[in-house]
Amino acid sequence: MKARNWWLVIVAVITVAAAGGWAVLRHSTLGRRADLASGYVAHVVCSCRYVGNRDLASCATDFEPGMEIVKMKDDTAAKRITAWVPLLVTRTATYSPEYGCALDRR
């Protein structure tokens, strides 16, 4: 087998292993906790921002301990908060005047 073909095999094996590892991690206890944490942050910040009319810096003080790993983004035009744990899960909460803040369905 040529050297070029060996490199292709090695790259393919590494890619499959990485994808498999990510899938296992995503559906593990850690993945479920990341899903719960990102949903919590999205909903709390959405309620704080759009129901309580507070600024984003003030809302960050409402988090429970351990939420430091969750990142978030505020889309003020759509009144939407997106929270995620890098490489694992993303959750979004959207404000509606009729219903308040609700987590989006997947």
C-alpha atoms as a PDB file:
ATOM      1  CA  MET A   1       0.000   0.000   0.000  1.00  0.00           C
ATOM      2  CA  LYS A   2       1.294   3.455  -0.850  1.00  0.00           C
ATOM      3  CA  ALA A   3       2.184   5.943   1.904  1.00  0.00           C
ATOM      4  CA  ARG A   4      -0.617   8.251   0.752  1.00  0.00           C
ATOM      5  CA  ASN A   5      -3.195   5.532   1.289  1.00  0.00           C
ATOM      6  CA  TRP A   6      -1.951   4.907   4.842  1.00  0.00           C
ATOM      7  CA  TRP A   7      -2.494   8.572   5.692  1.00  0.00           C
ATOM      8  CA  LEU A   8      -6.049   8.396   4.375  1.00  0.00           C
ATOM      9  CA  VAL A   9      -6.744   5.328   6.512  1.00  0.00           C
ATOM     10  CA  ILE A  10      -5.278   6.993   9.607  1.00  0.00           C
ATOM     11  CA  VAL A  11      -7.329  10.175   9.041  1.00  0.00           C
ATOM     12  CA  ALA A  12     -10.498   8.119   8.512  1.00  0.00           C
ATOM     13  CA  VAL A  13      -9.942   6.123  11.708  1.00  0.00           C
ATOM     14  CA  ILE A  14      -9.306   9.284  13.756  1.00  0.00           C
ATOM     15  CA  THR A  15     -12.428  10.942  12.320  1.00  0.00           C
ATOM     16  CA  VAL A  16     -14.642   7.947  13.098  1.00  0.00           C
ATOM     17  CA  ALA A  17     -13.200   7.657  16.618  1.00  0.00           C
ATOM     18  CA  ALA A  18     -13.767  11.367  17.309  1.00  0.00           C
ATOM     19  CA  ALA A  19     -17.357  11.227  16.035  1.00  0.00           C
ATOM     20  CA  GLY A  20     -18.057   8.119  18.105  1.00  0.00           C
ATOM     21  CA  GLY A  21     -16.544   9.684  21.198  1.00  0.00           C
ATOM     22  CA  TRP A  22     -18.632  12.819  20.746  1.00  0.00           C
ATOM     23  CA  ALA A  23     -21.832  10.761  20.334  1.00  0.00           C
ATOM     24  CA  VAL A  24     -21.104   8.770  23.488  1.00  0.00           C
ATOM     25  CA  LEU A  25     -20.303  11.923  25.470  1.00  0.00           C
ATOM     26  CA  ARG A  26     -23.399  13.741  24.174  1.00  0.00           C
ATOM     27  CA  HIS A  27     -25.711  10.958  25.386  1.00  0.00           C
ATOM     28  CA  SER A  28     -23.912  10.293  28.661  1.00  0.00           C
ATOM     29  CA  THR A  29     -24.798  11.686  32.059  1.00  0.00           C
ATOM     30  CA  LEU A  30     -22.483  14.605  31.335  1.00  0.00           C
ATOM     31  CA  GLY A  31     -24.358  15.335  28.103  1.00  0.00           C
ATOM     32  CA  ARG A  32     -27.721  15.263  29.876  1.00  0.00           C
ATOM     33  CA  ARG A  33     -26.407  17.603  32.562  1.00  0.00           C
ATOM     34  CA  ALA A  34     -25.080  19.968  29.893  1.00  0.00           C
ATOM     35  CA  ASP A  35     -28.508  19.935  28.234  1.00  0.00           C
ATOM     36  CA  LEU A  36     -30.203  20.743  31.533  1.00  0.00           C
ATOM     37  CA  ALA A  37     -27.703  23.508  32.375  1.00  0.00           C
ATOM     38  CA  SER A  38     -27.969  25.216  28.987  1.00  0.00           C
ATOM     39  CA  GLY A  39     -31.780  25.096  29.131  1.00  0.00           C
ATOM     40  CA  TYR A  40     -31.695  26.541  32.640  1.00  0.00           C
ATOM     41  CA  VAL A  41     -29.421  29.417  31.637  1.00  0.00           C
ATOM     42  CA  ALA A  42     -31.422  30.193  28.488  1.00  0.00           C
ATOM     43  CA  HIS A  43     -34.714  30.319  30.400  1.00  0.00           C
ATOM     44  CA  VAL A  44     -33.419  32.261  33.416  1.00  0.00           C
ATOM     45  CA  VAL A  45     -31.674  34.889  31.298  1.00  0.00           C
ATOM     46  CA  CYS A  46     -34.643  35.215  28.922  1.00  0.00           C
ATOM     47  CA  SER A  47     -36.992  35.808  31.863  1.00  0.00           C
ATOM     48  CA  CYS A  48     -34.566  38.221  33.472  1.00  0.00           C
ATOM     49  CA  ARG A  49     -33.994  40.218  30.258  1.00  0.00           C
ATOM     50  CA  TYR A  50     -37.451  40.321  28.710  1.00  0.00           C
ATOM     51  CA  VAL A  51     -39.847  39.843  31.625  1.00  0.00           C
ATOM     52  CA  GLY A  52     -37.812  41.598  34.327  1.00  0.00           C
ATOM     53  CA  ASN A  53     -36.320  44.212  31.947  1.00  0.00           C
ATOM     54  CA  ARG A  54     -32.829  43.849  33.447  1.00  0.00           C
ATOM     55  CA  ASP A  55     -29.517  44.127  31.630  1.00  0.00           C
ATOM     56  CA  LEU A  56     -27.434  41.092  30.733  1.00  0.00           C
ATOM     57  CA  ALA A  57     -24.744  41.768  33.346  1.00  0.00           C
ATOM     58  CA  SER A  58     -27.367  41.871  36.076  1.00  0.00           C
ATOM     59  CA  CYS A  59     -28.926  38.615  34.859  1.00  0.00           C
ATOM     60  CA  ALA A  60     -25.598  36.774  35.134  1.00  0.00           C
ATOM     61  CA  THR A  61     -25.772  37.166  38.924  1.00  0.00           C
ATOM     62  CA  ASP A  62     -28.867  34.933  39.038  1.00  0.00           C
ATOM     63  CA  PHE A  63     -27.055  31.730  38.059  1.00  0.00           C
ATOM     64  CA  GLU A  64     -26.612  28.791  40.376  1.00  0.00           C
ATOM     65  CA  PRO A  65     -23.034  27.705  41.137  1.00  0.00           C
ATOM     66  CA  GLY A  66     -21.525  25.558  38.396  1.00  0.00           C
ATOM     67  CA  MET A  67     -23.043  27.411  35.446  1.00  0.00           C
ATOM     68  CA  GLU A  68     -19.727  29.008  34.469  1.00  0.00           C
ATOM     69  CA  ILE A  69     -19.203  26.527  31.621  1.00  0.00           C
ATOM     70  CA  VAL A  70     -22.432  27.583  29.892  1.00  0.00           C
ATOM     71  CA  LYS A  71     -21.967  30.310  27.289  1.00  0.00           C
ATOM     72  CA  MET A  72     -24.820  32.513  26.083  1.00  0.00           C
ATOM     73  CA  LYS A  73     -25.812  34.917  23.338  1.00  0.00           C
ATOM     74  CA  ASP A  74     -28.580  37.541  23.414  1.00  0.00           C
ATOM     75  CA  ASP A  75     -30.521  38.228  20.199  1.00  0.00           C
ATOM     76  CA  THR A  76     -32.378  41.401  21.172  1.00  0.00           C
ATOM     77  CA  ALA A  77     -34.139  41.764  17.805  1.00  0.00           C
ATOM     78  CA  ALA A  78     -35.807  38.357  18.164  1.00  0.00           C
ATOM     79  CA  LYS A  79     -35.962  38.518  21.997  1.00  0.00           C
ATOM     80  CA  ARG A  80     -34.138  35.215  22.141  1.00  0.00           C
ATOM     81  CA  ILE A  81     -31.418  33.853  24.415  1.00  0.00           C
ATOM     82  CA  THR A  82     -29.238  31.002  23.179  1.00  0.00           C
ATOM     83  CA  ALA A  83     -27.153  29.115  25.732  1.00  0.00           C
ATOM     84  CA  TRP A  84     -24.696  26.324  25.014  1.00  0.00           C
ATOM     85  CA  VAL A  85     -22.055  24.076  26.462  1.00  0.00           C
ATOM     86  CA  PRO A  86     -19.280  24.069  23.862  1.00  0.00           C
ATOM     87  CA  LEU A  87     -19.210  20.967  21.651  1.00  0.00           C
ATOM     88  CA  LEU A  88     -22.150  19.343  23.460  1.00  0.00           C
ATOM     89  CA  VAL A  89     -25.530  21.054  23.397  1.00  0.00           C
ATOM     90  CA  THR A  90     -27.369  24.290  22.558  1.00  0.00           C
ATOM     91  CA  ARG A  91     -30.727  25.449  23.946  1.00  0.00           C
ATOM     92  CA  THR A  92     -32.748  28.560  23.084  1.00  0.00           C
ATOM     93  CA  ALA A  93     -35.449  30.425  25.004  1.00  0.00           C
ATOM     94  CA  THR A  94     -37.667  32.933  23.200  1.00  0.00           C
ATOM     95  CA  TYR A  95     -39.862  35.648  24.698  1.00  0.00           C
ATOM     96  CA  SER A  96     -43.460  36.016  23.636  1.00  0.00           C
ATOM     97  CA  PRO A  97     -45.718  38.746  25.110  1.00  0.00           C
ATOM     98  CA  GLU A  98     -48.509  36.201  25.363  1.00  0.00           C
ATOM     99  CA  TYR A  99     -46.613  33.336  26.992  1.00  0.00           C
ATOM    100  CA  GLY A 100     -43.445  34.843  28.474  1.00  0.00           C
ATOM    101  CA  CYS A 101     -40.180  32.935  27.961  1.00  0.00           C
ATOM    102  CA  ALA A 102     -40.263  29.365  26.752  1.00  0.00           C
ATOM    103  CA  LEU A 103     -37.580  26.940  25.671  1.00  0.00           C
ATOM    104  CA  ASP A 104     -37.802  26.180  21.977  1.00  0.00           C
ATOM    105  CA  ARG A 105     -38.668  22.671  20.912  1.00  0.00           C
ATOM    106  CA  ARG A 106     -35.989  20.609  19.286  1.00  0.00           C
END
